[in-house]
């Protein structure tokens, strides 16, 4: 039962977590650089020294938010069902 409950909720929370991660990344990028938008990898006007740190920060933020959402979802399922989803 826990697995059945966890799958659809996990997908929903994954989408919401992705949106949250995007907001967090944009705010962090703005605080660090003072710019509104991070450089795109294909932006000809931006160099490697701008593109790679932006990508690394974005990846770190998304990974941390995903881990927090996944862990929180699994913990919530355990509270409701008494079992850890596997």
N, C-alpha and C. Protein backbone atom coordinates (compact mmCIF):
# COMPACT_ATOMS: atom_id res chain seq x y z
N UNK A 1 0.82 -1.20 0.00
CA UNK A 1 0.00 0.00 0.00
C UNK A 1 0.86 1.26 0.00
N UNK A 2 1.94 1.25 0.77
CA UNK A 2 2.81 2.42 0.85
C UNK A 2 3.43 2.77 -0.49
N UNK A 3 3.79 1.74 -1.25
CA UNK A 3 4.39 1.96 -2.56
C UNK A 3 3.38 2.60 -3.51
N UNK A 4 2.13 2.12 -3.48
CA UNK A 4 1.08 2.67 -4.33
C UNK A 4 0.78 4.12 -3.98
N UNK A 5 0.81 4.43 -2.71
CA UNK A 5 0.57 5.80 -2.25
C UNK A 5 1.75 6.70 -2.59
N UNK A 6 2.94 6.15 -2.50
CA UNK A 6 4.16 6.95 -2.68
C UNK A 6 4.38 7.36 -4.13
N UNK A 7 4.09 6.49 -5.09
CA UNK A 7 4.37 6.77 -6.50
C UNK A 7 3.69 8.04 -7.01
N UNK A 8 2.35 8.14 -6.94
CA UNK A 8 1.72 9.36 -7.47
C UNK A 8 2.08 10.61 -6.67
N UNK A 9 2.16 10.46 -5.36
CA UNK A 9 2.54 11.61 -4.55
C UNK A 9 3.98 12.01 -4.83
N UNK A 10 4.84 11.02 -5.04
CA UNK A 10 6.23 11.30 -5.35
C UNK A 10 6.38 12.08 -6.64
N UNK A 11 5.58 11.75 -7.64
CA UNK A 11 5.62 12.49 -8.90
C UNK A 11 5.13 13.92 -8.72
N UNK A 12 4.05 14.08 -7.98
CA UNK A 12 3.52 15.42 -7.73
C UNK A 12 4.54 16.26 -6.97
N UNK A 13 5.10 15.69 -5.91
CA UNK A 13 6.08 16.43 -5.12
C UNK A 13 7.35 16.69 -5.93
N UNK A 14 7.68 15.80 -6.85
CA UNK A 14 8.83 16.01 -7.71
C UNK A 14 8.66 17.24 -8.60
N UNK A 15 7.47 17.39 -9.16
CA UNK A 15 7.17 18.56 -10.00
C UNK A 15 7.23 19.83 -9.16
N UNK A 16 6.58 19.79 -8.00
CA UNK A 16 6.59 20.96 -7.12
C UNK A 16 8.01 21.27 -6.63
N UNK A 17 8.78 20.23 -6.34
CA UNK A 17 10.16 20.42 -5.93
C UNK A 17 11.01 21.04 -7.03
N UNK A 18 10.77 20.63 -8.27
CA UNK A 18 11.48 21.24 -9.39
C UNK A 18 11.18 22.72 -9.54
N UNK A 19 9.93 23.07 -9.33
CA UNK A 19 9.55 24.48 -9.39
C UNK A 19 10.22 25.26 -8.25
N UNK A 20 10.21 24.69 -7.07
CA UNK A 20 10.86 25.32 -5.92
C UNK A 20 12.35 25.47 -6.15
N UNK A 21 12.98 24.45 -6.70
CA UNK A 21 14.42 24.51 -6.97
C UNK A 21 14.74 25.61 -7.96
N UNK A 22 13.88 25.79 -8.96
CA UNK A 22 14.08 26.87 -9.93
C UNK A 22 14.04 28.24 -9.27
N UNK A 23 13.09 28.42 -8.38
CA UNK A 23 12.96 29.70 -7.66
C UNK A 23 14.20 29.93 -6.79
N UNK A 24 14.62 28.90 -6.06
CA UNK A 24 15.79 29.03 -5.20
C UNK A 24 17.03 29.35 -6.02
N UNK A 25 17.21 28.64 -7.14
CA UNK A 25 18.38 28.89 -7.97
C UNK A 25 18.39 30.32 -8.51
N UNK A 26 17.27 30.80 -9.02
CA UNK A 26 17.23 32.16 -9.56
C UNK A 26 17.55 33.20 -8.48
N UNK A 27 17.04 32.98 -7.28
CA UNK A 27 17.34 33.93 -6.19
C UNK A 27 18.81 33.87 -5.81
N UNK A 28 19.37 32.67 -5.70
CA UNK A 28 20.79 32.55 -5.38
C UNK A 28 21.65 33.18 -6.46
N UNK A 29 21.32 32.91 -7.72
CA UNK A 29 22.10 33.47 -8.82
C UNK A 29 22.04 35.00 -8.77
N UNK A 30 20.88 35.55 -8.49
CA UNK A 30 20.73 37.00 -8.38
C UNK A 30 21.54 37.56 -7.23
N UNK A 31 21.55 36.88 -6.09
CA UNK A 31 22.33 37.36 -4.94
C UNK A 31 23.83 37.30 -5.22
N UNK A 32 24.27 36.25 -5.89
CA UNK A 32 25.70 36.05 -6.14
C UNK A 32 26.21 37.00 -7.22
N UNK A 33 25.44 37.15 -8.31
CA UNK A 33 25.94 37.90 -9.47
C UNK A 33 25.29 39.25 -9.67
N UNK A 34 24.13 39.45 -9.10
CA UNK A 34 23.39 40.68 -9.33
C UNK A 34 22.64 40.67 -10.66
N UNK A 35 22.68 39.56 -11.37
CA UNK A 35 21.98 39.42 -12.65
C UNK A 35 20.66 38.71 -12.45
N UNK A 36 19.71 39.00 -13.33
CA UNK A 36 18.40 38.36 -13.23
C UNK A 36 18.42 36.93 -13.75
N UNK A 37 19.14 36.70 -14.84
CA UNK A 37 19.13 35.38 -15.48
C UNK A 37 20.52 34.78 -15.51
N UNK A 38 20.57 33.48 -15.31
CA UNK A 38 21.83 32.74 -15.44
C UNK A 38 22.13 32.54 -16.92
N UNK A 39 23.40 32.40 -17.27
CA UNK A 39 23.74 32.21 -18.67
C UNK A 39 23.33 30.82 -19.17
N UNK A 40 22.89 30.78 -20.40
CA UNK A 40 22.58 29.51 -21.06
C UNK A 40 23.88 28.94 -21.62
N UNK A 41 23.98 27.64 -21.70
CA UNK A 41 25.18 26.99 -22.21
C UNK A 41 25.46 27.39 -23.66
N UNK A 42 24.42 27.71 -24.41
CA UNK A 42 24.59 28.05 -25.82
C UNK A 42 24.67 29.55 -26.08
N UNK A 43 24.73 30.36 -25.03
CA UNK A 43 24.83 31.81 -25.18
C UNK A 43 26.23 32.16 -25.68
N UNK A 44 26.32 32.63 -26.89
CA UNK A 44 27.61 32.93 -27.52
C UNK A 44 28.34 34.07 -26.81
N UNK A 45 27.61 34.94 -26.16
CA UNK A 45 28.20 36.11 -25.50
C UNK A 45 28.81 35.78 -24.14
N UNK A 46 28.52 34.61 -23.61
CA UNK A 46 29.01 34.22 -22.29
C UNK A 46 30.15 33.23 -22.42
N UNK A 47 31.12 33.34 -21.51
CA UNK A 47 32.28 32.45 -21.54
C UNK A 47 32.10 31.25 -20.62
N UNK A 48 33.09 30.36 -20.70
CA UNK A 48 33.08 29.15 -19.87
C UNK A 48 33.05 29.49 -18.39
N UNK A 49 33.72 30.57 -18.01
CA UNK A 49 33.80 30.94 -16.58
C UNK A 49 32.47 31.42 -16.02
N UNK A 50 31.54 31.73 -16.88
CA UNK A 50 30.20 32.09 -16.43
C UNK A 50 29.24 30.90 -16.52
N UNK A 51 29.34 30.15 -17.61
CA UNK A 51 28.39 29.07 -17.88
C UNK A 51 28.58 27.90 -16.92
N UNK A 52 29.81 27.46 -16.70
CA UNK A 52 30.03 26.28 -15.87
C UNK A 52 29.66 26.49 -14.40
N UNK A 53 30.04 27.60 -13.78
CA UNK A 53 29.59 27.79 -12.39
C UNK A 53 28.07 27.88 -12.26
N UNK A 54 27.41 28.49 -13.25
CA UNK A 54 25.95 28.57 -13.21
C UNK A 54 25.35 27.17 -13.28
N UNK A 55 25.88 26.34 -14.16
CA UNK A 55 25.37 24.97 -14.29
C UNK A 55 25.64 24.16 -13.03
N UNK A 56 26.80 24.34 -12.45
CA UNK A 56 27.14 23.60 -11.23
C UNK A 56 26.23 24.01 -10.07
N UNK A 57 25.99 25.29 -9.92
CA UNK A 57 25.10 25.76 -8.85
C UNK A 57 23.68 25.26 -9.08
N UNK A 58 23.22 25.33 -10.31
CA UNK A 58 21.87 24.87 -10.62
C UNK A 58 21.73 23.37 -10.32
N UNK A 59 22.72 22.59 -10.71
CA UNK A 59 22.68 21.15 -10.44
C UNK A 59 22.67 20.85 -8.95
N UNK A 60 23.49 21.58 -8.20
CA UNK A 60 23.55 21.37 -6.75
C UNK A 60 22.22 21.71 -6.08
N UNK A 61 21.62 22.82 -6.49
CA UNK A 61 20.35 23.23 -5.90
C UNK A 61 19.26 22.20 -6.23
N UNK A 62 19.19 21.79 -7.50
CA UNK A 62 18.16 20.82 -7.88
C UNK A 62 18.36 19.49 -7.16
N UNK A 63 19.60 19.04 -7.03
CA UNK A 63 19.86 17.76 -6.34
C UNK A 63 19.49 17.84 -4.87
N UNK A 64 19.82 18.95 -4.22
CA UNK A 64 19.50 19.09 -2.79
C UNK A 64 17.99 19.15 -2.57
N UNK A 65 17.29 19.89 -3.42
CA UNK A 65 15.83 19.98 -3.27
C UNK A 65 15.19 18.62 -3.56
N UNK A 66 15.67 17.92 -4.58
CA UNK A 66 15.13 16.59 -4.90
C UNK A 66 15.32 15.63 -3.72
N UNK A 67 16.50 15.64 -3.13
CA UNK A 67 16.76 14.76 -1.99
C UNK A 67 15.84 15.10 -0.82
N UNK A 68 15.66 16.38 -0.57
CA UNK A 68 14.79 16.80 0.53
C UNK A 68 13.34 16.39 0.27
N UNK A 69 12.88 16.57 -0.96
CA UNK A 69 11.50 16.21 -1.31
C UNK A 69 11.31 14.70 -1.23
N UNK A 70 12.25 13.94 -1.79
CA UNK A 70 12.15 12.47 -1.75
C UNK A 70 12.15 11.95 -0.31
N UNK A 71 13.06 12.49 0.49
CA UNK A 71 13.16 12.04 1.88
C UNK A 71 11.91 12.42 2.66
N UNK A 72 11.43 13.64 2.46
CA UNK A 72 10.22 14.07 3.14
C UNK A 72 9.00 13.26 2.73
N UNK A 73 8.91 12.92 1.45
CA UNK A 73 7.80 12.10 0.97
C UNK A 73 7.83 10.71 1.57
N UNK A 74 9.00 10.11 1.60
CA UNK A 74 9.13 8.77 2.18
C UNK A 74 8.80 8.78 3.67
N UNK A 75 9.25 9.80 4.36
CA UNK A 75 8.95 9.93 5.79
C UNK A 75 7.45 10.10 6.01
N UNK A 76 6.81 10.90 5.16
CA UNK A 76 5.36 11.09 5.27
C UNK A 76 4.58 9.82 5.03
N UNK A 77 5.01 9.04 4.05
CA UNK A 77 4.35 7.76 3.78
C UNK A 77 4.51 6.82 4.96
N UNK A 78 5.69 6.82 5.57
CA UNK A 78 5.89 5.96 6.74
C UNK A 78 4.99 6.38 7.89
N UNK A 79 4.80 7.67 8.07
CA UNK A 79 3.92 8.14 9.14
C UNK A 79 2.48 7.69 8.92
N UNK A 80 2.05 7.73 7.64
CA UNK A 80 0.67 7.38 7.32
C UNK A 80 0.44 5.87 7.33
N UNK A 81 1.40 5.12 6.74
CA UNK A 81 1.18 3.68 6.56
C UNK A 81 1.93 2.82 7.58
N UNK A 82 2.92 3.39 8.24
CA UNK A 82 3.74 2.62 9.17
C UNK A 82 4.88 1.89 8.51
N UNK A 83 5.01 2.02 7.18
CA UNK A 83 6.07 1.33 6.45
C UNK A 83 6.83 2.30 5.56
N UNK A 84 8.11 2.05 5.43
CA UNK A 84 8.96 2.85 4.55
C UNK A 84 8.72 2.40 3.10
N UNK A 85 8.45 3.32 2.18
CA UNK A 85 8.22 2.90 0.79
C UNK A 85 9.53 2.39 0.16
N UNK A 86 9.44 1.29 -0.56
CA UNK A 86 10.62 0.74 -1.21
C UNK A 86 10.38 0.52 -2.67
